[in-house]
Amino acid sequence: METAPEKPKKRSRGIYLLPNLFTTATLFAGFYAILAAMNDRFEAAAIAIFVAMLMDGLDGRVARMTNTQTAFGAEYDSLADMVAFGLAPSLVIYLWALTDLGKLGWISAFVYTAGTALRLARFNTQIGVADKRYFQGLPSPSAAAIIAGSVWLGVDYGIAGGAVEWLVAPLTIVVGLLMVSNVRYNSFKEIDFHGKVPFIVLVVVMLGFAILLAKPPVVLFLIFFVYAISGPVMTLSQLREWRSRRTAGAEGEVAEPQKPEKKG
C-alpha cells in the first residue's frame, strides 16, 4: 500500500523574545555609552558599559534556563558584544584621554577595537572544541571593564584624561593585544552555584558587596585588572611546570641504566 509522501516541516520564522531582550539591552547600553561620551558624560558612559556586561551575562543564562538557545541568538549576541565591548569602550577612552595624542591616540583605540573583533570571531569558531575551563585570550567583557573602569576611576577622582594620556594609550593597546593572545584565563564555569557552601562564604560575599558599593570604580577596576594579570601569571606558571616535568623526564631517561645483554 502506497503512502503519501511526508510534507516538509515548515521552518519556524519567529525568534524567542526573552533572551533577545537582554541582548538588545546590551546593545542599547553600548550605544548609550557612545552617546554619553560624545556629550562629555564619561561617568555615565563607563557605567553604561558595566550595565552592558550585566545584561550580556544574563542573556545566555536565560536562554539556557528557558531552553531557547538558537543560532540567531548566538549571532545577535556576538554583534551586540562588538558594539558594547568593542566600539563603545574604544570611543569612550579615545574621547576621554587620547584625542590630543594624534595618530597614536586613534591607533591605540583601533588596536583595541580590532582586538575585540578578532577575539569574538575566534571565540565563535572555537565553540564546542575549546576547553570550557579556560578562555583563550582576555574575554572582551573583562577588557571593556578595564577600559571603562579606568575612565570611571579618573572621573571619580577628578583626573583629566589628558593628564594620564601616556598611561592610557599603552594600557589600551596592551588590553587589546591580550584579547587576541594565547594567554589562558580561568572561565570559572566549574563553580557550582547550586551546591551547598559554608556559612562563611555568604559572609564574605556580603562584605564584598559592601566594599563594592563603597567605592565602585576602584573595586571594579582592580578586580578586572587583577584578572587581566592572572592570565599571564597562570600561563607562565603552567609553562614552567611543563618545562620542569620535561627536564625531569629527560634526566630520568639518561640516568636509567641499560640492562646487560644475555650471552647465549
Protein backbone atom coordinates (compact mmCIF):
# COMPACT_ATOMS: atom_id res chain seq x y z
CA MET A 1 0.00 0.00 0.00
CA GLU A 2 1.45 3.29 -1.06
CA THR A 3 1.68 6.08 1.46
CA ALA A 4 1.56 9.76 0.73
CA PRO A 5 4.94 11.50 0.97
CA GLU A 6 5.52 13.42 4.16
CA LYS A 7 5.21 17.16 3.88
CA PRO A 8 8.42 19.04 4.71
CA LYS A 9 8.32 20.72 8.06
CA LYS A 10 7.97 24.46 7.92
CA ARG A 11 10.89 26.39 9.34
CA SER A 12 9.97 28.50 12.31
CA ARG A 13 10.00 32.17 11.39
CA GLY A 14 9.83 33.56 14.88
CA ILE A 15 12.51 34.31 17.45
CA TYR A 16 12.49 33.88 21.19
CA LEU A 17 11.71 37.19 22.86
CA LEU A 18 13.12 36.89 26.39
CA PRO A 19 16.83 36.19 25.77
CA ASN A 20 16.93 38.60 22.83
CA LEU A 21 15.53 41.35 25.06
CA PHE A 22 18.63 41.06 27.25
CA THR A 23 20.85 41.08 24.14
CA THR A 24 19.06 44.20 22.92
CA ALA A 25 19.65 45.79 26.32
CA THR A 26 23.37 45.03 25.91
CA LEU A 27 23.35 46.68 22.50
CA PHE A 28 21.47 49.71 23.77
CA ALA A 29 23.83 50.15 26.74
CA GLY A 30 26.82 50.19 24.37
CA PHE A 31 25.06 52.66 22.09
CA TYR A 32 24.18 54.88 25.05
CA ALA A 33 27.81 54.80 26.26
CA ILE A 34 28.93 56.23 22.91
CA LEU A 35 26.30 58.99 23.02
CA ALA A 36 27.18 59.87 26.62
CA ALA A 37 30.90 60.12 25.80
CA MET A 38 30.16 62.38 22.82
CA ASN A 39 28.41 64.71 25.27
CA ASP A 40 31.33 64.59 27.78
CA ARG A 41 29.33 62.49 30.26
CA PHE A 42 32.12 60.00 30.78
CA GLU A 43 30.94 58.65 34.12
CA ALA A 44 27.57 57.73 32.62
CA ALA A 45 29.35 56.20 29.64
CA ALA A 46 31.51 53.99 31.87
CA ILE A 47 28.52 52.87 33.95
CA ALA A 48 26.61 52.03 30.76
CA ILE A 49 29.40 49.64 29.71
CA PHE A 50 29.19 47.85 33.06
CA VAL A 51 25.40 47.62 32.63
CA ALA A 52 26.05 46.05 29.22
CA MET A 53 28.27 43.48 30.94
CA LEU A 54 25.46 42.61 33.33
CA MET A 55 22.93 42.23 30.52
CA ASP A 56 25.37 40.16 28.48
CA GLY A 57 25.87 37.80 31.39
CA LEU A 58 22.13 37.33 31.77
CA ASP A 59 21.07 36.68 28.18
CA GLY A 60 22.98 33.42 27.83
CA ARG A 61 21.86 32.14 31.21
CA VAL A 62 18.22 33.00 30.47
CA ALA A 63 18.44 31.21 27.12
CA ARG A 64 19.85 28.08 28.78
CA MET A 65 17.35 28.14 31.63
CA THR A 66 14.38 28.52 29.27
CA ASN A 67 15.85 26.22 26.59
CA THR A 68 15.64 28.98 23.98
CA GLN A 69 19.16 28.84 22.53
CA THR A 70 19.22 29.48 18.77
CA ALA A 71 21.79 30.24 16.07
CA PHE A 72 20.12 33.62 15.60
CA GLY A 73 20.58 34.43 19.28
CA ALA A 74 24.26 33.49 19.15
CA GLU A 75 24.92 35.73 16.13
CA TYR A 76 22.90 38.60 17.58
CA ASP A 77 24.77 38.32 20.87
CA SER A 78 28.13 38.48 19.08
CA LEU A 79 27.13 41.61 17.15
CA ALA A 80 25.85 43.27 20.32
CA ASP A 81 29.11 42.40 22.08
CA MET A 82 31.11 44.05 19.30
CA VAL A 83 29.25 47.31 19.85
CA ALA A 84 29.13 47.20 23.66
CA PHE A 85 32.63 45.82 24.33
CA GLY A 86 34.49 46.80 21.16
CA LEU A 87 33.33 50.11 19.73
CA ALA A 88 31.92 51.72 22.88
CA PRO A 89 34.99 51.32 25.17
CA SER A 90 37.43 52.38 22.44
CA LEU A 91 35.43 55.52 21.60
CA VAL A 92 34.89 56.39 25.27
CA ILE A 93 38.59 56.07 26.12
CA TYR A 94 39.56 57.95 22.95
CA LEU A 95 37.27 60.90 23.66
CA TRP A 96 38.31 60.98 27.32
CA ALA A 97 42.09 60.78 27.05
CA LEU A 98 43.53 60.02 23.61
CA THR A 99 42.36 62.85 21.34
CA ASP A 100 45.44 65.01 21.97
CA LEU A 101 47.85 62.22 21.02
CA GLY A 102 47.01 62.46 17.34
CA LYS A 103 47.78 59.30 15.37
CA LEU A 104 48.95 57.41 18.44
CA GLY A 105 45.59 58.08 20.07
CA TRP A 106 43.38 56.71 17.32
CA ILE A 107 45.80 53.85 16.61
CA SER A 108 45.58 52.81 20.27
CA ALA A 109 41.79 52.88 20.11
CA PHE A 110 41.76 50.96 16.83
CA VAL A 111 44.08 48.24 18.18
CA TYR A 112 41.58 47.69 20.97
CA THR A 113 38.61 47.63 18.55
CA ALA A 114 40.34 45.22 16.17
CA GLY A 115 41.37 43.03 19.10
CA THR A 116 37.73 42.75 20.17
CA ALA A 117 36.56 41.82 16.67
CA LEU A 118 39.25 39.15 16.31
CA ARG A 119 38.59 37.84 19.81
CA LEU A 120 34.87 37.41 19.13
CA ALA A 121 35.48 35.80 15.73
CA ARG A 122 37.94 33.30 17.24
CA PHE A 123 35.59 32.54 20.11
CA ASN A 124 32.70 31.81 17.72
CA THR A 125 34.81 29.39 15.69
CA GLN A 126 36.00 27.50 18.79
CA ILE A 127 32.59 26.83 20.34
CA GLY A 128 32.30 23.13 21.05
CA VAL A 129 36.01 22.33 20.71
CA ALA A 130 37.70 24.63 23.23
CA ASP A 131 38.36 23.67 26.86
CA LYS A 132 35.44 25.18 28.78
CA ARG A 133 37.56 25.62 31.89
CA TYR A 134 39.65 28.33 30.23
CA PHE A 135 39.34 31.26 27.83
CA GLN A 136 41.96 31.72 25.16
CA GLY A 137 42.79 35.38 25.43
CA LEU A 138 41.24 38.01 27.68
CA PRO A 139 37.41 37.94 27.36
CA SER A 140 36.04 41.06 25.69
CA PRO A 141 33.70 42.00 28.60
CA SER A 142 36.66 41.92 31.00
CA ALA A 143 38.72 44.04 28.60
CA ALA A 144 35.85 46.53 28.34
CA ALA A 145 35.63 46.62 32.15
CA ILE A 146 39.30 47.65 32.42
CA ILE A 147 38.85 50.46 29.89
CA ALA A 148 35.55 51.67 31.35
CA GLY A 149 36.87 51.26 34.90
CA SER A 150 39.90 53.43 34.17
CA VAL A 151 37.64 56.18 32.80
CA TRP A 152 35.26 55.93 35.76
CA LEU A 153 38.18 55.92 38.18
CA GLY A 154 39.67 59.04 36.61
CA VAL A 155 36.38 60.92 36.62
CA ASP A 156 35.66 59.88 40.22
CA TYR A 157 38.99 61.30 41.42
CA GLY A 158 38.81 64.40 39.22
CA ILE A 159 41.69 63.35 36.96
CA ALA A 160 41.60 64.85 33.48
CA GLY A 161 42.09 62.34 30.70
CA GLY A 162 44.80 64.45 29.09
CA ALA A 163 46.88 64.26 32.27
CA VAL A 164 47.21 60.47 32.02
CA GLU A 165 47.16 60.03 28.25
CA TRP A 166 50.63 58.44 28.18
CA LEU A 167 49.41 55.81 30.65
CA VAL A 168 46.06 55.26 28.98
CA ALA A 169 47.45 54.71 25.46
CA PRO A 170 49.71 51.73 26.33
CA LEU A 171 47.02 50.33 28.64
CA THR A 172 44.52 50.37 25.76
CA ILE A 173 46.98 48.70 23.39
CA VAL A 174 48.01 46.00 25.88
CA VAL A 175 44.40 45.16 26.74
CA GLY A 176 43.57 44.91 23.03
CA LEU A 177 46.53 42.58 22.40
CA LEU A 178 45.68 40.40 25.40
CA MET A 179 42.31 39.63 23.80
CA VAL A 180 44.00 38.07 20.75
CA SER A 181 46.84 36.40 22.67
CA ASN A 182 47.14 32.71 23.52
CA VAL A 183 47.16 33.51 27.23
CA ARG A 184 44.75 31.29 29.15
CA TYR A 185 42.23 32.74 31.58
CA ASN A 186 40.10 30.84 34.07
CA SER A 187 36.47 30.81 32.93
CA PHE A 188 35.09 29.95 36.42
CA LYS A 189 32.49 27.74 34.72
CA GLU A 190 33.28 24.89 37.10
CA ILE A 191 31.84 26.76 40.08
CA ASP A 192 28.68 25.02 41.29
CA PHE A 193 26.14 27.67 42.28
CA HIS A 194 23.54 25.01 43.10
CA GLY A 195 25.60 23.21 45.73
CA LYS A 196 25.88 23.99 49.43
CA VAL A 197 28.68 26.22 50.75
CA PRO A 198 29.90 27.04 54.27
CA PHE A 199 28.18 29.92 56.03
CA ILE A 200 31.41 31.96 55.98
CA VAL A 201 31.16 32.16 52.18
CA LEU A 202 27.90 34.11 52.49
CA VAL A 203 29.55 36.49 54.96
CA VAL A 204 32.45 37.07 52.56
CA VAL A 205 30.01 37.76 49.70
CA MET A 206 28.15 40.30 51.83
CA LEU A 207 31.41 42.05 52.73
CA GLY A 208 32.36 42.07 49.06
CA PHE A 209 29.10 43.80 48.13
CA ALA A 210 29.64 46.35 50.90
CA ILE A 211 33.13 47.18 49.64
CA LEU A 212 31.89 47.38 46.07
CA LEU A 213 29.11 49.81 46.99
CA ALA A 214 31.55 51.97 48.97
CA LYS A 215 33.90 52.59 46.00
CA PRO A 216 32.53 51.03 42.80
CA PRO A 217 35.08 52.47 40.32
CA VAL A 218 38.09 51.47 42.41
CA VAL A 219 36.84 47.97 43.23
CA LEU A 220 35.66 47.15 39.71
CA PHE A 221 38.83 48.40 38.07
CA LEU A 222 41.05 46.45 40.50
CA ILE A 223 39.03 43.24 40.12
CA PHE A 224 39.30 43.16 36.33
CA PHE A 225 42.86 44.49 36.29
CA VAL A 226 43.95 41.66 38.58
CA TYR A 227 42.03 39.20 36.40
CA ALA A 228 43.89 40.51 33.33
CA ILE A 229 47.22 39.95 35.10
CA SER A 230 46.20 36.50 36.33
CA GLY A 231 46.21 35.11 32.77
CA PRO A 232 49.90 35.73 32.00
CA VAL A 233 50.86 34.63 35.53
CA MET A 234 48.92 31.36 35.20
CA THR A 235 50.27 30.73 31.70
CA LEU A 236 53.89 31.29 32.76
CA SER A 237 53.37 29.07 35.80
CA GLN A 238 51.97 26.24 33.66
CA LEU A 239 54.77 26.67 31.13
CA ARG A 240 57.41 26.49 33.87
CA GLU A 241 55.77 23.38 35.31
CA TRP A 242 55.68 21.74 31.89
CA ARG A 243 59.37 22.51 31.31
CA SER A 244 60.34 21.15 34.71
CA ARG A 245 58.45 17.90 34.02
CA ARG A 246 60.08 17.62 30.63
CA THR A 247 63.53 18.18 32.12
CA ALA A 248 62.88 15.65 34.89
CA GLY A 249 61.69 13.11 32.33
CA ALA A 250 64.78 13.62 30.18
CA GLU A 251 67.10 13.25 33.18
CA GLY A 252 65.29 10.07 34.21
CA GLU A 253 65.81 8.54 30.78
CA VAL A 254 69.55 9.33 30.89
CA ALA A 255 70.00 8.04 34.44
CA GLU A 256 68.21 4.72 33.79
CA PRO A 257 70.91 2.01 33.49
CA GLN A 258 70.92 -0.18 30.46
CA LYS A 259 70.27 -3.86 31.04
CA PRO A 260 73.20 -6.11 30.07
CA GLU A 261 72.63 -8.39 27.15
CA LYS A 262 72.31 -12.09 27.92
CA LYS A 263 75.02 -14.27 26.46
CA GLY A 264 73.92 -17.39 24.69
